[in-house]
Amino acid sequence: QVQLVESGGGLVQPGGSLNLSCAASGSIDSAYFMGWYRQAPGKQRELVAVSSHAGVTTYADSVKDRFTISRDKAKNMRFLQMSSLKPEDAAVYSCYVGAGEIATPGGGYWGQGTQITVSS
C-alpha cells in the first residue's frame, strides 16, 4: 500500500507563485513516475508535471517554462514550483504515483488533492 501526503496550495493572485510538495510512503513500483495532475470544474483531469524514477520530467505544454518539478529521490518526494500563475491554472491538483502511461494514469495511487485558486 502506498500513501501520498500533499502540502501547499491555496489562493494566489495572477502572476504569483505557489509551491506544492508530495511525499510517498510504502511499496512503490520500481518503474514509477510521480507528480501532479489537475482537474478544473467541468474539465477533464490533465497532466501538469511528473518525473520518473530515473528523473525524466514531463510537463504539460501549458505549464512549461512556468512550473518546475523536482524531487528528493531518497525521500520519495516531489516538489512543484509554480510561477506566473494564471486564472486558468486554478484547479484541484492531485499528486499521483504509479507506472504505465503518463497521459492516462491508472492503477496507481492518488493524494488527497489540493485546491489552487488564482484570483485577484
PDB file of N, CA and C in Angstrom:
ATOM      1  N   GLN A   1       0.848  -1.186   0.000  1.00  0.00           N
ATOM      2  CA  GLN A   1       0.000   0.000   0.000  1.00  0.00           C
ATOM      3  C   GLN A   1       0.886   1.238   0.000  1.00  0.00           C
ATOM      4  N   VAL A   2       0.476   2.207  -0.782  1.00  0.00           N
ATOM      5  CA  VAL A   2       1.228   3.453  -0.890  1.00  0.00           C
ATOM      6  C   VAL A   2       0.361   4.593  -0.378  1.00  0.00           C
ATOM      7  N   GLN A   3       0.956   5.459   0.378  1.00  0.00           N
ATOM      8  CA  GLN A   3       0.261   6.664   0.835  1.00  0.00           C
ATOM      9  C   GLN A   3       0.971   7.893   0.309  1.00  0.00           C
ATOM     10  N   LEU A   4       0.186   8.860  -0.091  1.00  0.00           N
ATOM     11  CA  LEU A   4       0.717  10.132  -0.572  1.00  0.00           C
ATOM     12  C   LEU A   4       0.209  11.241   0.319  1.00  0.00           C
ATOM     13  N   VAL A   5       1.109  12.065   0.752  1.00  0.00           N
ATOM     14  CA  VAL A   5       0.748  13.209   1.587  1.00  0.00           C
ATOM     15  C   VAL A   5       1.163  14.473   0.863  1.00  0.00           C
ATOM     16  N   GLU A   6       0.189  15.305   0.585  1.00  0.00           N
ATOM     17  CA  GLU A   6       0.432  16.529  -0.157  1.00  0.00           C
ATOM     18  C   GLU A   6       0.410  17.732   0.781  1.00  0.00           C
ATOM     19  N   SER A   7       1.122  18.746   0.390  1.00  0.00           N
ATOM     20  CA  SER A   7       1.048  20.015   1.112  1.00  0.00           C
ATOM     21  C   SER A   7       1.255  21.152   0.134  1.00  0.00           C
ATOM     22  N   GLY A   8       0.827  22.319   0.552  1.00  0.00           N
ATOM     23  CA  GLY A   8       0.950  23.502  -0.285  1.00  0.00           C
ATOM     24  C   GLY A   8      -0.391  23.856  -0.900  1.00  0.00           C
ATOM     25  N   GLY A   9      -0.344  24.775  -1.831  1.00  0.00           N
ATOM     26  CA  GLY A   9      -1.557  25.213  -2.498  1.00  0.00           C
ATOM     27  C   GLY A   9      -2.197  26.388  -1.804  1.00  0.00           C
ATOM     28  N   GLY A  10      -3.365  26.761  -2.302  1.00  0.00           N
ATOM     29  CA  GLY A  10      -4.085  27.872  -1.717  1.00  0.00           C
ATOM     30  C   GLY A  10      -4.467  28.918  -2.742  1.00  0.00           C
ATOM     31  N   LEU A  11      -4.568  30.147  -2.266  1.00  0.00           N
ATOM     32  CA  LEU A  11      -5.006  31.268  -3.098  1.00  0.00           C
ATOM     33  C   LEU A  11      -3.818  32.140  -3.470  1.00  0.00           C
ATOM     34  N   VAL A  12      -3.760  32.532  -4.717  1.00  0.00           N
ATOM     35  CA  VAL A  12      -2.679  33.397  -5.178  1.00  0.00           C
ATOM     36  C   VAL A  12      -3.232  34.332  -6.240  1.00  0.00           C
ATOM     37  N   GLN A  13      -2.644  35.483  -6.335  1.00  0.00           N
ATOM     38  CA  GLN A  13      -3.042  36.433  -7.377  1.00  0.00           C
ATOM     39  C   GLN A  13      -2.417  36.047  -8.714  1.00  0.00           C
ATOM     40  N   PRO A  14      -3.038  36.422  -9.798  1.00  0.00           N
ATOM     41  CA  PRO A  14      -2.425  36.166 -11.109  1.00  0.00           C
ATOM     42  C   PRO A  14      -1.005  36.720 -11.165  1.00  0.00           C
ATOM     43  N   GLY A  15      -0.128  35.909 -11.707  1.00  0.00           N
ATOM     44  CA  GLY A  15       1.275  36.289 -11.765  1.00  0.00           C
ATOM     45  C   GLY A  15       2.074  35.853 -10.557  1.00  0.00           C
ATOM     46  N   GLY A  16       1.406  35.342  -9.555  1.00  0.00           N
ATOM     47  CA  GLY A  16       2.072  34.920  -8.333  1.00  0.00           C
ATOM     48  C   GLY A  16       2.636  33.522  -8.427  1.00  0.00           C
ATOM     49  N   SER A  17       3.161  33.060  -7.294  1.00  0.00           N
ATOM     50  CA  SER A  17       3.807  31.755  -7.224  1.00  0.00           C
ATOM     51  C   SER A  17       3.270  30.947  -6.060  1.00  0.00           C
ATOM     52  N   LEU A  18       3.309  29.650  -6.232  1.00  0.00           N
ATOM     53  CA  LEU A  18       2.946  28.708  -5.175  1.00  0.00           C
ATOM     54  C   LEU A  18       3.811  27.481  -5.320  1.00  0.00           C
ATOM     55  N   ASN A  19       3.955  26.766  -4.203  1.00  0.00           N
ATOM     56  CA  ASN A  19       4.693  25.514  -4.227  1.00  0.00           C
ATOM     57  C   ASN A  19       3.836  24.385  -3.675  1.00  0.00           C
ATOM     58  N   LEU A  20       3.997  23.230  -4.274  1.00  0.00           N
ATOM     59  CA  LEU A  20       3.359  22.010  -3.790  1.00  0.00           C
ATOM     60  C   LEU A  20       4.438  20.989  -3.475  1.00  0.00           C
ATOM     61  N   SER A  21       4.123  20.131  -2.528  1.00  0.00           N
ATOM     62  CA  SER A  21       5.005  19.002  -2.265  1.00  0.00           C
ATOM     63  C   SER A  21       4.168  17.756  -2.069  1.00  0.00           C
ATOM     64  N   CYS A  22       4.802  16.627  -2.311  1.00  0.00           N
ATOM     65  CA  CYS A  22       4.123  15.350  -2.185  1.00  0.00           C
ATOM     66  C   CYS A  22       5.130  14.321  -1.700  1.00  0.00           C
ATOM     67  N   ALA A  23       4.773  13.612  -0.657  1.00  0.00           N
ATOM     68  CA  ALA A  23       5.640  12.583  -0.099  1.00  0.00           C
ATOM     69  C   ALA A  23       4.942  11.237  -0.208  1.00  0.00           C
ATOM     70  N   ALA A  24       5.655  10.271  -0.736  1.00  0.00           N
ATOM     71  CA  ALA A  24       5.115   8.922  -0.891  1.00  0.00           C
ATOM     72  C   ALA A  24       5.762   7.988   0.107  1.00  0.00           C
ATOM     73  N   SER A  25       4.953   7.143   0.666  1.00  0.00           N
ATOM     74  CA  SER A  25       5.469   6.111   1.572  1.00  0.00           C
ATOM     75  C   SER A  25       4.844   4.787   1.193  1.00  0.00           C
ATOM     76  N   GLY A  26       5.571   3.710   1.475  1.00  0.00           N
ATOM     77  CA  GLY A  26       5.073   2.393   1.140  1.00  0.00           C
ATOM     78  C   GLY A  26       5.856   1.774   0.006  1.00  0.00           C
ATOM     79  N   SER A  27       5.318   0.709  -0.532  1.00  0.00           N
ATOM     80  CA  SER A  27       5.992  -0.043  -1.582  1.00  0.00           C
ATOM     81  C   SER A  27       5.619   0.515  -2.946  1.00  0.00           C
ATOM     82  N   ILE A  28       6.594   1.118  -3.615  1.00  0.00           N
ATOM     83  CA  ILE A  28       6.356   1.774  -4.897  1.00  0.00           C
ATOM     84  C   ILE A  28       6.979   0.953  -6.017  1.00  0.00           C
ATOM     85  N   ASP A  29       6.238   0.799  -7.080  1.00  0.00           N
ATOM     86  CA  ASP A  29       6.737   0.092  -8.254  1.00  0.00           C
ATOM     87  C   ASP A  29       8.063   0.699  -8.699  1.00  0.00           C
ATOM     88  N   SER A  30       9.013  -0.138  -9.043  1.00  0.00           N
ATOM     89  CA  SER A  30      10.341   0.352  -9.408  1.00  0.00           C
ATOM     90  C   SER A  30      10.334   1.198 -10.667  1.00  0.00           C
ATOM     91  N   ALA A  31       9.340   1.026 -11.514  1.00  0.00           N
ATOM     92  CA  ALA A  31       9.277   1.794 -12.766  1.00  0.00           C
ATOM     93  C   ALA A  31       8.268   2.927 -12.665  1.00  0.00           C
ATOM     94  N   TYR A  32       8.204   3.548 -11.523  1.00  0.00           N
ATOM     95  CA  TYR A  32       7.156   4.522 -11.284  1.00  0.00           C
ATOM     96  C   TYR A  32       7.478   5.892 -11.859  1.00  0.00           C
ATOM     97  N   PHE A  33       6.416   6.667 -11.982  1.00  0.00           N
ATOM     98  CA  PHE A  33       6.557   8.098 -12.163  1.00  0.00           C
ATOM     99  C   PHE A  33       5.655   8.766 -11.125  1.00  0.00           C
ATOM    100  N   MET A  34       5.977   9.984 -10.825  1.00  0.00           N
ATOM    101  CA  MET A  34       5.281  10.662  -9.728  1.00  0.00           C
ATOM    102  C   MET A  34       5.184  12.140 -10.028  1.00  0.00           C
ATOM    103  N   GLY A  35       4.056  12.694  -9.735  1.00  0.00           N
ATOM    104  CA  GLY A  35       3.895  14.111  -9.982  1.00  0.00           C
ATOM    105  C   GLY A  35       2.455  14.528  -9.804  1.00  0.00           C
ATOM    106  N   TRP A  36       2.060  15.536 -10.570  1.00  0.00           N
ATOM    107  CA  TRP A  36       0.743  16.130 -10.387  1.00  0.00           C
ATOM    108  C   TRP A  36      -0.104  16.144 -11.650  1.00  0.00           C
ATOM    109  N   TYR A  37      -1.372  15.939 -11.404  1.00  0.00           N
ATOM    110  CA  TYR A  37      -2.424  16.147 -12.375  1.00  0.00           C
ATOM    111  C   TYR A  37      -3.384  17.166 -11.771  1.00  0.00           C
ATOM    112  N   ARG A  38      -4.171  17.774 -12.617  1.00  0.00           N
ATOM    113  CA  ARG A  38      -5.137  18.746 -12.108  1.00  0.00           C
ATOM    114  C   ARG A  38      -6.469  18.595 -12.817  1.00  0.00           C
ATOM    115  N   GLN A  39      -7.495  19.027 -12.129  1.00  0.00           N
ATOM    116  CA  GLN A  39      -8.825  18.992 -12.710  1.00  0.00           C
ATOM    117  C   GLN A  39      -9.589  20.225 -12.269  1.00  0.00           C
ATOM    118  N   ALA A  40     -10.026  20.972 -13.247  1.00  0.00           N
ATOM    119  CA  ALA A  40     -10.852  22.151 -13.007  1.00  0.00           C
ATOM    120  C   ALA A  40     -12.314  21.759 -13.167  1.00  0.00           C
ATOM    121  N   PRO A  41     -13.206  22.513 -12.566  1.00  0.00           N
ATOM    122  CA  PRO A  41     -14.635  22.193 -12.673  1.00  0.00           C
ATOM    123  C   PRO A  41     -15.076  22.107 -14.128  1.00  0.00           C
ATOM    124  N   GLY A  42     -15.770  21.038 -14.450  1.00  0.00           N
ATOM    125  CA  GLY A  42     -16.286  20.872 -15.797  1.00  0.00           C
ATOM    126  C   GLY A  42     -15.273  20.436 -16.829  1.00  0.00           C
ATOM    127  N   LYS A  43     -14.045  20.187 -16.394  1.00  0.00           N
ATOM    128  CA  LYS A  43     -12.994  19.788 -17.333  1.00  0.00           C
ATOM    129  C   LYS A  43     -12.440  18.422 -16.948  1.00  0.00           C
ATOM    130  N   GLN A  44     -11.796  17.813 -17.904  1.00  0.00           N
ATOM    131  CA  GLN A  44     -11.169  16.526 -17.639  1.00  0.00           C
ATOM    132  C   GLN A  44      -9.865  16.735 -16.883  1.00  0.00           C
ATOM    133  N   ARG A  45      -9.496  15.713 -16.162  1.00  0.00           N
ATOM    134  CA  ARG A  45      -8.212  15.730 -15.482  1.00  0.00           C
ATOM    135  C   ARG A  45      -7.090  15.763 -16.518  1.00  0.00           C
ATOM    136  N   GLU A  46      -6.065  16.533 -16.223  1.00  0.00           N
ATOM    137  CA  GLU A  46      -4.962  16.652 -17.163  1.00  0.00           C
ATOM    138  C   GLU A  46      -3.627  16.608 -16.442  1.00  0.00           C
ATOM    139  N   LEU A  47      -2.642  16.205 -17.176  1.00  0.00           N
ATOM    140  CA  LEU A  47      -1.279  16.175 -16.663  1.00  0.00           C
ATOM    141  C   LEU A  47      -0.796  17.588 -16.387  1.00  0.00           C
ATOM    142  N   VAL A  48      -0.084  17.748 -15.285  1.00  0.00           N
ATOM    143  CA  VAL A  48       0.627  19.001 -15.033  1.00  0.00           C
ATOM    144  C   VAL A  48       2.123  18.745 -15.228  1.00  0.00           C
ATOM    145  N   ALA A  49       2.687  17.933 -14.369  1.00  0.00           N
ATOM    146  CA  ALA A  49       4.111  17.610 -14.457  1.00  0.00           C
ATOM    147  C   ALA A  49       4.384  16.357 -13.648  1.00  0.00           C
ATOM    148  N   VAL A  50       5.220  15.497 -14.202  1.00  0.00           N
ATOM    149  CA  VAL A  50       5.645  14.313 -13.483  1.00  0.00           C
ATOM    150  C   VAL A  50       7.124  14.101 -13.729  1.00  0.00           C
ATOM    151  N   SER A  51       7.729  13.332 -12.848  1.00  0.00           N
ATOM    152  CA  SER A  51       9.091  12.891 -13.110  1.00  0.00           C
ATOM    153  C   SER A  51       9.182  11.407 -12.805  1.00  0.00           C
ATOM    154  N   SER A  52       9.987  10.742 -13.579  1.00  0.00           N
ATOM    155  CA  SER A  52      10.110   9.296 -13.456  1.00  0.00           C
ATOM    156  C   SER A  52      11.085   8.931 -12.356  1.00  0.00           C
ATOM    157  N   HIS A  53      11.166   7.633 -12.104  1.00  0.00           N
ATOM    158  CA  HIS A  53      12.117   7.140 -11.115  1.00  0.00           C
ATOM    159  C   HIS A  53      13.545   7.473 -11.536  1.00  0.00           C
ATOM    160  N   ALA A  54      13.744   7.656 -12.839  1.00  0.00           N
ATOM    161  CA  ALA A  54      15.074   7.991 -13.350  1.00  0.00           C
ATOM    162  C   ALA A  54      15.287   9.490 -13.443  1.00  0.00           C
ATOM    163  N   GLY A  55      14.282  10.261 -13.083  1.00  0.00           N
ATOM    164  CA  GLY A  55      14.437  11.713 -13.097  1.00  0.00           C
ATOM    165  C   GLY A  55      14.030  12.380 -14.385  1.00  0.00           C
ATOM    166  N   VAL A  56      13.442  11.632 -15.301  1.00  0.00           N
ATOM    167  CA  VAL A  56      12.969  12.232 -16.553  1.00  0.00           C
ATOM    168  C   VAL A  56      11.671  12.986 -16.261  1.00  0.00           C
ATOM    169  N   THR A  57      11.611  14.216 -16.720  1.00  0.00           N
ATOM    170  CA  THR A  57      10.440  15.038 -16.436  1.00  0.00           C
ATOM    171  C   THR A  57       9.566  15.200 -17.666  1.00  0.00           C
ATOM    172  N   THR A  58       8.272  15.296 -17.409  1.00  0.00           N
ATOM    173  CA  THR A  58       7.288  15.532 -18.456  1.00  0.00           C
ATOM    174  C   THR A  58       6.358  16.636 -17.980  1.00  0.00           C
ATOM    175  N   TYR A  59       6.171  17.632 -18.823  1.00  0.00           N
ATOM    176  CA  TYR A  59       5.313  18.758 -18.490  1.00  0.00           C
ATOM    177  C   TYR A  59       4.198  18.901 -19.518  1.00  0.00           C
ATOM    178  N   ALA A  60       3.074  19.403 -19.046  1.00  0.00           N
ATOM    179  CA  ALA A  60       2.048  19.830 -19.979  1.00  0.00           C
ATOM    180  C   ALA A  60       2.562  21.075 -20.698  1.00  0.00           C
ATOM    181  N   ASP A  61       2.205  21.219 -21.957  1.00  0.00           N
ATOM    182  CA  ASP A  61       2.654  22.384 -22.719  1.00  0.00           C
ATOM    183  C   ASP A  61       2.220  23.684 -22.053  1.00  0.00           C
ATOM    184  N   SER A  62       1.066  23.647 -21.420  1.00  0.00           N
ATOM    185  CA  SER A  62       0.507  24.867 -20.838  1.00  0.00           C
ATOM    186  C   SER A  62       1.292  25.373 -19.631  1.00  0.00           C
ATOM    187  N   VAL A  63       2.137  24.526 -19.046  1.00  0.00           N
ATOM    188  CA  VAL A  63       2.865  24.952 -17.852  1.00  0.00           C
ATOM    189  C   VAL A  63       4.379  24.997 -18.067  1.00  0.00           C
ATOM    190  N   LYS A  64       4.831  24.558 -19.225  1.00  0.00           N
ATOM    191  CA  LYS A  64       6.271  24.611 -19.489  1.00  0.00           C
ATOM    192  C   LYS A  64       6.774  26.032 -19.334  1.00  0.00           C
ATOM    193  N   ASP A  65       7.946  26.166 -18.802  1.00  0.00           N
ATOM    194  CA  ASP A  65       8.609  27.453 -18.570  1.00  0.00           C
ATOM    195  C   ASP A  65       8.007  28.230 -17.411  1.00  0.00           C
ATOM    196  N   ARG A  66       6.949  27.704 -16.802  1.00  0.00           N
ATOM    197  CA  ARG A  66       6.379  28.359 -15.625  1.00  0.00           C
ATOM    198  C   ARG A  66       6.438  27.470 -14.388  1.00  0.00           C
ATOM    199  N   PHE A  67       6.308  26.171 -14.599  1.00  0.00           N
ATOM    200  CA  PHE A  67       6.312  25.226 -13.491  1.00  0.00           C
ATOM    201  C   PHE A  67       7.591  24.389 -13.554  1.00  0.00           C
ATOM    202  N   THR A  68       8.073  24.016 -12.379  1.00  0.00           N
ATOM    203  CA  THR A  68       9.245  23.160 -12.305  1.00  0.00           C
ATOM    204  C   THR A  68       8.997  22.058 -11.277  1.00  0.00           C
ATOM    205  N   ILE A  69       9.190  20.827 -11.718  1.00  0.00           N
ATOM    206  CA  ILE A  69       9.076  19.709 -10.800  1.00  0.00           C
ATOM    207  C   ILE A  69      10.475  19.247 -10.425  1.00  0.00           C
ATOM    208  N   SER A  70      10.657  18.988  -9.159  1.00  0.00           N
ATOM    209  CA  SER A  70      11.937  18.489  -8.676  1.00  0.00           C
ATOM    210  C   SER A  70      11.662  17.346  -7.700  1.00  0.00           C
ATOM    211  N   ARG A  71      12.713  16.720  -7.258  1.00  0.00           N
ATOM    212  CA  ARG A  71      12.487  15.554  -6.413  1.00  0.00           C
ATOM    213  C   ARG A  71      13.576  15.400  -5.365  1.00  0.00           C
ATOM    214  N   ASP A  72      13.194  14.715  -4.321  1.00  0.00           N
ATOM    215  CA  ASP A  72      14.142  14.189  -3.346  1.00  0.00           C
ATOM    216  C   ASP A  72      13.996  12.677  -3.457  1.00  0.00           C
ATOM    217  N   LYS A  73      14.887  12.083  -4.213  1.00  0.00           N
ATOM    218  CA  LYS A  73      14.746  10.667  -4.531  1.00  0.00           C
ATOM    219  C   LYS A  73      14.771   9.803  -3.280  1.00  0.00           C
ATOM    220  N   ALA A  74      15.658  10.133  -2.373  1.00  0.00           N
ATOM    221  CA  ALA A  74      15.817   9.320  -1.166  1.00  0.00           C
ATOM    222  C   ALA A  74      14.552   9.311  -0.315  1.00  0.00           C
ATOM    223  N   LYS A  75      13.825  10.403  -0.361  1.00  0.00           N
ATOM    224  CA  LYS A  75      12.625  10.531   0.471  1.00  0.00           C
ATOM    225  C   LYS A  75      11.348  10.275  -0.314  1.00  0.00           C
ATOM    226  N   ASN A  76      11.489   9.894  -1.576  1.00  0.00           N
ATOM    227  CA  ASN A  76      10.305   9.683  -2.423  1.00  0.00           C
ATOM    228  C   ASN A  76       9.392  10.903  -2.385  1.00  0.00           C
ATOM    229  N   MET A  77       9.978  12.039  -2.600  1.00  0.00           N
ATOM    230  CA  MET A  77       9.206  13.282  -2.602  1.00  0.00           C
ATOM    231  C   MET A  77       9.316  13.983  -3.949  1.00  0.00           C
ATOM    232  N   ARG A  78       8.283  14.707  -4.261  1.00  0.00           N
ATOM    233  CA  ARG A  78       8.290  15.581  -5.431  1.00  0.00           C
ATOM    234  C   ARG A  78       7.862  16.969  -4.977  1.00  0.00           C
ATOM    235  N   PHE A  79       8.401  17.951  -5.672  1.00  0.00           N
ATOM    236  CA  PHE A  79       8.088  19.341  -5.381  1.00  0.00           C
ATOM    237  C   PHE A  79       7.686  20.010  -6.688  1.00  0.00           C
ATOM    238  N   LEU A  80       6.674  20.837  -6.614  1.00  0.00           N
ATOM    239  CA  LEU A  80       6.242  21.561  -7.802  1.00  0.00           C
ATOM    240  C   LEU A  80       6.290  23.048  -7.494  1.00  0.00           C
ATOM    241  N   GLN A  81       7.176  23.730  -8.185  1.00  0.00           N
ATOM    242  CA  GLN A  81       7.258  25.184  -8.073  1.00  0.00           C
ATOM    243  C   GLN A  81       6.467  25.778  -9.221  1.00  0.00           C
ATOM    244  N   MET A  82       5.475  26.570  -8.879  1.00  0.00           N
ATOM    245  CA  MET A  82       4.589  27.165  -9.873  1.00  0.00           C
ATOM    246  C   MET A  82       4.766  28.679  -9.839  1.00  0.00           C
ATOM    247  N   SER A  83       5.054  29.240 -10.969  1.00  0.00           N
ATOM    248  CA  SER A  83       5.215  30.682 -11.052  1.00  0.00           C
ATOM    249  C   SER A  83       4.391  31.225 -12.209  1.00  0.00           C
ATOM    250  N   SER A  84       4.263  32.534 -12.237  1.00  0.00           N
ATOM    251  CA  SER A  84       3.467  33.199 -13.281  1.00  0.00           C
ATOM    252  C   SER A  84       2.106  32.545 -13.415  1.00  0.00           C
ATOM    253  N   LEU A  85       1.476  32.305 -12.298  1.00  0.00           N
ATOM    254  CA  LEU A  85       0.200  31.597 -12.309  1.00  0.00           C
ATOM    255  C   LEU A  85      -0.878  32.415 -12.990  1.00  0.00           C
ATOM    256  N   LYS A  86      -1.729  31.706 -13.704  1.00  0.00           N
ATOM    257  CA  LYS A  86      -2.813  32.313 -14.463  1.00  0.00           C
ATOM    258  C   LYS A  86      -4.148  31.816 -13.916  1.00  0.00           C
ATOM    259  N   PRO A  87      -5.191  32.555 -14.150  1.00  0.00           N
ATOM    260  CA  PRO A  87      -6.511  32.078 -13.693  1.00  0.00           C
ATOM    261  C   PRO A  87      -6.844  30.686 -14.223  1.00  0.00           C
ATOM    262  N   GLU A  88      -6.372  30.376 -15.426  1.00  0.00           N
ATOM    263  CA  GLU A  88      -6.673  29.049 -15.987  1.00  0.00           C
ATOM    264  C   GLU A  88      -5.877  27.933 -15.328  1.00  0.00           C
ATOM    265  N   ASP A  89      -4.944  28.266 -14.441  1.00  0.00           N
ATOM    266  CA  ASP A  89      -4.239  27.244 -13.671  1.00  0.00           C
ATOM    267  C   ASP A  89      -5.049  26.793 -12.455  1.00  0.00           C
ATOM    268  N   ALA A  90      -6.104  27.493 -12.153  1.00  0.00           N
ATOM    269  CA  ALA A  90      -6.912  27.132 -10.989  1.00  0.00           C
ATOM    270  C   ALA A  90      -7.549  25.768 -11.191  1.00  0.00           C
ATOM    271  N   ALA A  91      -7.399  24.925 -10.196  1.00  0.00           N
ATOM    272  CA  ALA A  91      -7.901  23.551 -10.264  1.00  0.00           C
ATOM    273  C   ALA A  91      -7.579  22.849  -8.961  1.00  0.00           C
ATOM    274  N   VAL A  92      -8.065  21.640  -8.841  1.00  0.00           N
ATOM    275  CA  VAL A  92      -7.596  20.756  -7.781  1.00  0.00           C
ATOM    276  C   VAL A  92      -6.393  19.998  -8.322  1.00  0.00           C
ATOM    277  N   TYR A  93      -5.295  20.138  -7.655  1.00  0.00           N
ATOM    278  CA  TYR A  93      -4.054  19.468  -8.046  1.00  0.00           C
ATOM    279  C   TYR A  93      -3.884  18.227  -7.179  1.00  0.00           C
ATOM    280  N   SER A  94      -3.692  17.111  -7.841  1.00  0.00           N
ATOM    281  CA  SER A  94      -3.565  15.847  -7.113  1.00  0.00           C
ATOM    282  C   SER A  94      -2.243  15.188  -7.451  1.00  0.00           C
ATOM    283  N   CYS A  95      -1.590  14.752  -6.423  1.00  0.00           N
ATOM    284  CA  CYS A  95      -0.344  14.018  -6.591  1.00  0.00           C
ATOM    285  C   CYS A  95      -0.667  12.573  -6.955  1.00  0.00           C
ATOM    286  N   TYR A  96       0.151  12.004  -7.818  1.00  0.00           N
ATOM    287  CA  TYR A  96      -0.058  10.632  -8.274  1.00  0.00           C
ATOM    288  C   TYR A  96       1.279   9.922  -8.344  1.00  0.00           C
ATOM    289  N   VAL A  97       1.270   8.667  -8.001  1.00  0.00           N
ATOM    290  CA  VAL A  97       2.435   7.816  -8.202  1.00  0.00           C
ATOM    291  C   VAL A  97       1.958   6.493  -8.777  1.00  0.00           C
ATOM    292  N   GLY A  98       2.620   6.059  -9.813  1.00  0.00           N
ATOM    293  CA  GLY A  98       2.256   4.812 -10.439  1.00  0.00           C
ATOM    294  C   GLY A  98       3.160   4.518 -11.600  1.00  0.00           C
ATOM    295  N   ALA A  99       2.820   3.473 -12.338  1.00  0.00           N
ATOM    296  CA  ALA A  99       3.577   3.093 -13.520  1.00  0.00           C
ATOM    297  C   ALA A  99       2.637   3.105 -14.712  1.00  0.00           C
ATOM    298  N   GLY A 100       3.169   2.862 -15.890  1.00  0.00           N
ATOM    299  CA  GLY A 100       2.322   2.811 -17.070  1.00  0.00           C
ATOM    300  C   GLY A 100       2.342   4.107 -17.856  1.00  0.00           C
ATOM    301  N   GLU A 101       1.194   4.464 -18.389  1.00  0.00           N
ATOM    302  CA  GLU A 101       1.094   5.617 -19.275  1.00  0.00           C
ATOM    303  C   GLU A 101       0.904   6.907 -18.495  1.00  0.00           C
ATOM    304  N   ILE A 102       1.766   7.855 -18.760  1.00  0.00           N
ATOM    305  CA  ILE A 102       1.665   9.143 -18.076  1.00  0.00           C
ATOM    306  C   ILE A 102       0.391   9.871 -18.449  1.00  0.00           C
ATOM    307  N   ALA A 103       0.006   9.786 -19.722  1.00  0.00           N
ATOM    308  CA  ALA A 103      -1.167  10.533 -20.186  1.00  0.00           C
ATOM    309  C   ALA A 103      -2.468  10.008 -19.587  1.00  0.00           C
ATOM    310  N   THR A 104      -2.474   8.737 -19.243  1.00  0.00           N
ATOM    311  CA  THR A 104      -3.700   8.137 -18.704  1.00  0.00           C
ATOM    312  C   THR A 104      -3.360   7.384 -17.429  1.00  0.00           C
ATOM    313  N   PRO A 105      -3.167   8.124 -16.355  1.00  0.00           N
ATOM    314  CA  PRO A 105      -2.784   7.470 -15.095  1.00  0.00           C
ATOM    315  C   PRO A 105      -3.881   6.552 -14.593  1.00  0.00           C
ATOM    316  N   GLY A 106      -3.455   5.415 -14.103  1.00  0.00           N
ATOM    317  CA  GLY A 106      -4.408   4.467 -13.557  1.00  0.00           C
ATOM    318  C   GLY A 106      -3.667   3.320 -12.923  1.00  0.00           C
ATOM    319  N   GLY A 107      -4.275   2.750 -11.941  1.00  0.00           N
ATOM    320  CA  GLY A 107      -3.651   1.635 -11.266  1.00  0.00           C
ATOM    321  C   GLY A 107      -2.644   2.037 -10.212  1.00  0.00           C
ATOM    322  N   GLY A 108      -2.442   3.338 -10.061  1.00  0.00           N
ATOM    323  CA  GLY A 108      -1.501   3.812  -9.060  1.00  0.00           C
ATOM    324  C   GLY A 108      -2.227   4.394  -7.864  1.00  0.00           C
ATOM    325  N   TYR A 109      -1.612   5.391  -7.285  1.00  0.00           N
ATOM    326  CA  TYR A 109      -2.159   5.952  -6.054  1.00  0.00           C
ATOM    327  C   TYR A 109      -2.252   7.475  -6.177  1.00  0.00           C
ATOM    328  N   TRP A 110      -3.319   7.978  -5.569  1.00  0.00           N
ATOM    329  CA  TRP A 110      -3.578   9.417  -5.608  1.00  0.00           C
ATOM    330  C   TRP A 110      -3.483  10.029  -4.214  1.00  0.00           C
ATOM    331  N   GLY A 111      -3.016  11.250  -4.184  1.00  0.00           N
ATOM    332  CA  GLY A 111      -3.068  12.017  -2.959  1.00  0.00           C
ATOM    333  C   GLY A 111      -4.453  12.598  -2.761  1.00  0.00           C
ATOM    334  N   GLN A 112      -4.599  13.349  -1.684  1.00  0.00           N
ATOM    335  CA  GLN A 112      -5.924  13.859  -1.337  1.00  0.00           C
ATOM    336  C   GLN A 112      -6.346  15.039  -2.184  1.00  0.00           C
ATOM    337  N   GLY A 113      -5.407  15.633  -2.890  1.00  0.00           N
ATOM    338  CA  GLY A 113      -5.717  16.786  -3.731  1.00  0.00           C
ATOM    339  C   GLY A 113      -5.677  18.078  -2.948  1.00  0.00           C
ATOM    340  N   THR A 114      -5.286  19.128  -3.634  1.00  0.00           N
ATOM    341  CA  THR A 114      -5.245  20.440  -3.003  1.00  0.00           C
ATOM    342  C   THR A 114      -5.751  21.480  -3.989  1.00  0.00           C
ATOM    343  N   GLN A 115      -6.514  22.415  -3.495  1.00  0.00           N
ATOM    344  CA  GLN A 115      -7.113  23.426  -4.362  1.00  0.00           C
ATOM    345  C   GLN A 115      -6.124  24.556  -4.614  1.00  0.00           C
ATOM    346  N   ILE A 116      -5.979  24.906  -5.858  1.00  0.00           N
ATOM    347  CA  ILE A 116      -5.216  26.091  -6.257  1.00  0.00           C
ATOM    348  C   ILE A 116      -6.213  27.084  -6.838  1.00  0.00           C
ATOM    349  N   THR A 117      -6.274  28.252  -6.260  1.00  0.00           N
ATOM    350  CA  THR A 117      -7.150  29.308  -6.751  1.00  0.00           C
ATOM    351  C   THR A 117      -6.294  30.488  -7.180  1.00  0.00           C
ATOM    352  N   VAL A 118      -6.513  30.936  -8.398  1.00  0.00           N
ATOM    353  CA  VAL A 118      -5.758  32.072  -8.924  1.00  0.00           C
ATOM    354  C   VAL A 118      -6.759  33.182  -9.213  1.00  0.00           C
ATOM    355  N   SER A 119      -6.729  34.178  -8.371  1.00  0.00           N
ATOM    356  CA  SER A 119      -7.725  35.230  -8.484  1.00  0.00           C
ATOM    357  C   SER A 119      -7.219  36.502  -7.828  1.00  0.00           C
ATOM    358  N   SER A 120      -7.626  37.620  -8.402  1.00  0.00           N
ATOM    359  CA  SER A 120      -7.271  38.897  -7.803  1.00  0.00           C
ATOM    360  C   SER A 120      -8.378  39.365  -6.863  1.00  0.00           C
TER     361      SER A 120
END
